[in-house]
Amino acid sequence: MFRDNVLLSGGTPADKLPPSQLTLDEQLPIRLRDHLQRLRLILPVISVTVMALRRQNAELDEDIASVLHQHAGNPLDVEIDKIEALLGSLAAARRTQEVAA
């Protein structure tokens, strides 16, 4: 499902090939973007759950919301940032290789 969106959204010609026809180096950015998109879809679910628990204003709900935010939402946000940075590094390395060639 997500791969279709990535492949249809443009990118390099290698990004438009089916994954089975790509080298591992060419598949890596595609798979990372797929993973990143799935993580980005999870983050709002956590945020909405935290907000709903806090609005209920029950003692345990606030504790659960805090734990969920601290141990799921924040770490997920960090992982998203790391993958975005990695994709940026891969794109820069690819551009450097293309210029050198």
C-alpha atoms as a PDB file:
ATOM      1  CA  MET A   1       0.000   0.000   0.000  1.00  0.00           C
ATOM      2  CA  PHE A   2       2.661   2.549   1.052  1.00  0.00           C
ATOM      3  CA  ARG A   3       5.151   1.397  -1.559  1.00  0.00           C
ATOM      4  CA  ASP A   4       2.629   2.223  -4.298  1.00  0.00           C
ATOM      5  CA  ASN A   5       2.350   5.794  -2.972  1.00  0.00           C
ATOM      6  CA  VAL A   6       6.122   6.197  -2.882  1.00  0.00           C
ATOM      7  CA  LEU A   7       6.569   4.755  -6.361  1.00  0.00           C
ATOM      8  CA  LEU A   8       3.820   6.929  -7.825  1.00  0.00           C
ATOM      9  CA  SER A   9       5.047  10.094  -6.130  1.00  0.00           C
ATOM     10  CA  GLY A  10       8.079  10.470  -8.365  1.00  0.00           C
ATOM     11  CA  GLY A  11      11.699  10.374  -7.336  1.00  0.00           C
ATOM     12  CA  THR A  12      14.583   8.925  -9.274  1.00  0.00           C
ATOM     13  CA  PRO A  13      14.009   6.469 -12.127  1.00  0.00           C
ATOM     14  CA  ALA A  14      15.332   3.703  -9.863  1.00  0.00           C
ATOM     15  CA  ASP A  15      12.560   4.501  -7.364  1.00  0.00           C
ATOM     16  CA  LYS A  16       9.949   3.703 -10.035  1.00  0.00           C
ATOM     17  CA  LEU A  17      11.208   0.163 -10.680  1.00  0.00           C
ATOM     18  CA  PRO A  18       9.654  -2.742  -8.795  1.00  0.00           C
ATOM     19  CA  PRO A  19      11.800  -3.487  -5.712  1.00  0.00           C
ATOM     20  CA  SER A  20      12.779  -6.919  -7.030  1.00  0.00           C
ATOM     21  CA  GLN A  21      14.619  -5.254  -9.943  1.00  0.00           C
ATOM     22  CA  LEU A  22      16.629  -2.898  -7.744  1.00  0.00           C
ATOM     23  CA  THR A  23      19.949  -3.426  -6.035  1.00  0.00           C
ATOM     24  CA  LEU A  24      20.035  -3.424  -2.248  1.00  0.00           C
ATOM     25  CA  ASP A  25      21.541   0.081  -2.282  1.00  0.00           C
ATOM     26  CA  GLU A  26      18.663   1.272  -4.440  1.00  0.00           C
ATOM     27  CA  GLN A  27      16.041  -0.499  -2.289  1.00  0.00           C
ATOM     28  CA  LEU A  28      17.287   0.968   0.989  1.00  0.00           C
ATOM     29  CA  PRO A  29      15.930   4.529   0.551  1.00  0.00           C
ATOM     30  CA  ILE A  30      12.604   3.176  -0.734  1.00  0.00           C
ATOM     31  CA  ARG A  31      12.218   0.836   2.215  1.00  0.00           C
ATOM     32  CA  LEU A  32      13.251   3.553   4.668  1.00  0.00           C
ATOM     33  CA  ARG A  33      10.669   5.950   3.208  1.00  0.00           C
ATOM     34  CA  ASP A  34       8.019   3.216   3.491  1.00  0.00           C
ATOM     35  CA  HIS A  35       8.986   2.618   7.113  1.00  0.00           C
ATOM     36  CA  LEU A  36       9.045   6.340   7.841  1.00  0.00           C
ATOM     37  CA  GLN A  37       5.563   6.764   6.407  1.00  0.00           C
ATOM     38  CA  ARG A  38       4.220   3.951   8.604  1.00  0.00           C
ATOM     39  CA  LEU A  39       5.842   5.502  11.692  1.00  0.00           C
ATOM     40  CA  ARG A  40       4.342   8.879  10.836  1.00  0.00           C
ATOM     41  CA  LEU A  41       0.892   7.260  10.710  1.00  0.00           C
ATOM     42  CA  ILE A  42       1.358   5.741  14.168  1.00  0.00           C
ATOM     43  CA  LEU A  43       2.421   8.971  15.884  1.00  0.00           C
ATOM     44  CA  PRO A  44      -0.975  10.753  15.603  1.00  0.00           C
ATOM     45  CA  VAL A  45      -2.722   7.665  16.994  1.00  0.00           C
ATOM     46  CA  ILE A  46      -0.569   7.913  20.107  1.00  0.00           C
ATOM     47  CA  SER A  47      -1.140  11.668  20.351  1.00  0.00           C
ATOM     48  CA  VAL A  48      -4.923  11.357  20.067  1.00  0.00           C
ATOM     49  CA  THR A  49      -4.950   8.567  22.652  1.00  0.00           C
ATOM     50  CA  VAL A  50      -2.914  10.693  25.068  1.00  0.00           C
ATOM     51  CA  MET A  51      -5.265  13.661  24.587  1.00  0.00           C
ATOM     52  CA  ALA A  52      -8.363  11.495  25.080  1.00  0.00           C
ATOM     53  CA  LEU A  53      -6.991   9.969  28.259  1.00  0.00           C
ATOM     54  CA  ARG A  54      -6.118  13.384  29.659  1.00  0.00           C
ATOM     55  CA  ARG A  55      -9.575  14.800  28.842  1.00  0.00           C
ATOM     56  CA  GLN A  56     -11.247  12.023  30.809  1.00  0.00           C
ATOM     57  CA  ASN A  57      -9.512  13.538  33.813  1.00  0.00           C
ATOM     58  CA  ALA A  58      -9.399  10.300  35.790  1.00  0.00           C
ATOM     59  CA  GLU A  59      -6.387   9.738  38.016  1.00  0.00           C
ATOM     60  CA  LEU A  60      -5.121   6.581  36.310  1.00  0.00           C
ATOM     61  CA  ASP A  61      -5.853   7.917  32.832  1.00  0.00           C
ATOM     62  CA  GLU A  62      -3.432  10.806  33.377  1.00  0.00           C
ATOM     63  CA  ASP A  63      -0.744   8.355  34.503  1.00  0.00           C
ATOM     64  CA  ILE A  64      -1.357   6.126  31.497  1.00  0.00           C
ATOM     65  CA  ALA A  65      -1.275   9.140  29.181  1.00  0.00           C
ATOM     66  CA  SER A  66       2.041  10.285  30.634  1.00  0.00           C
ATOM     67  CA  VAL A  67       3.612   6.841  30.263  1.00  0.00           C
ATOM     68  CA  LEU A  68       2.288   6.485  26.725  1.00  0.00           C
ATOM     69  CA  HIS A  69       3.607   9.922  25.775  1.00  0.00           C
ATOM     70  CA  GLN A  70       7.008   9.415  27.416  1.00  0.00           C
ATOM     71  CA  HIS A  71       7.666   5.812  26.374  1.00  0.00           C
ATOM     72  CA  ALA A  72       5.888   5.597  23.010  1.00  0.00           C
ATOM     73  CA  GLY A  73       5.271   9.044  21.518  1.00  0.00           C
ATOM     74  CA  ASN A  74       8.608  10.646  22.315  1.00  0.00           C
ATOM     75  CA  PRO A  75      10.747   7.639  21.270  1.00  0.00           C
ATOM     76  CA  LEU A  76       8.758   7.289  18.052  1.00  0.00           C
ATOM     77  CA  ASP A  77       9.351  10.962  17.284  1.00  0.00           C
ATOM     78  CA  VAL A  78      13.098  10.442  17.832  1.00  0.00           C
ATOM     79  CA  GLU A  79      13.124   7.425  15.495  1.00  0.00           C
ATOM     80  CA  ILE A  80      11.320   9.408  12.800  1.00  0.00           C
ATOM     81  CA  ASP A  81      13.953  12.149  13.074  1.00  0.00           C
ATOM     82  CA  LYS A  82      16.769   9.596  12.825  1.00  0.00           C
ATOM     83  CA  ILE A  83      15.308   7.973   9.705  1.00  0.00           C
ATOM     84  CA  GLU A  84      14.763  11.378   8.092  1.00  0.00           C
ATOM     85  CA  ALA A  85      18.412  12.251   8.790  1.00  0.00           C
ATOM     86  CA  LEU A  86      19.564   8.914   7.390  1.00  0.00           C
ATOM     87  CA  LEU A  87      17.519   9.429   4.226  1.00  0.00           C
ATOM     88  CA  GLY A  88      19.045  12.898   3.870  1.00  0.00           C
ATOM     89  CA  SER A  89      22.541  11.442   4.216  1.00  0.00           C
ATOM     90  CA  LEU A  90      21.790   8.734   1.652  1.00  0.00           C
ATOM     91  CA  ALA A  91      20.439  11.309  -0.813  1.00  0.00           C
ATOM     92  CA  ALA A  92      23.509  13.518  -0.340  1.00  0.00           C
ATOM     93  CA  ALA A  93      25.837  10.544  -0.828  1.00  0.00           C
ATOM     94  CA  ARG A  94      23.970   9.541  -3.986  1.00  0.00           C
ATOM     95  CA  ARG A  95      24.238  13.107  -5.375  1.00  0.00           C
ATOM     96  CA  THR A  96      27.969  13.134  -4.586  1.00  0.00           C
ATOM     97  CA  GLN A  97      28.450   9.836  -6.424  1.00  0.00           C
ATOM     98  CA  GLU A  98      26.461  11.092  -9.417  1.00  0.00           C
ATOM     99  CA  VAL A  99      28.544  14.278  -9.621  1.00  0.00           C
ATOM    100  CA  ALA A 100      31.780  12.304  -9.358  1.00  0.00           C
ATOM    101  CA  ALA A 101      30.713   9.923 -12.149  1.00  0.00           C
END
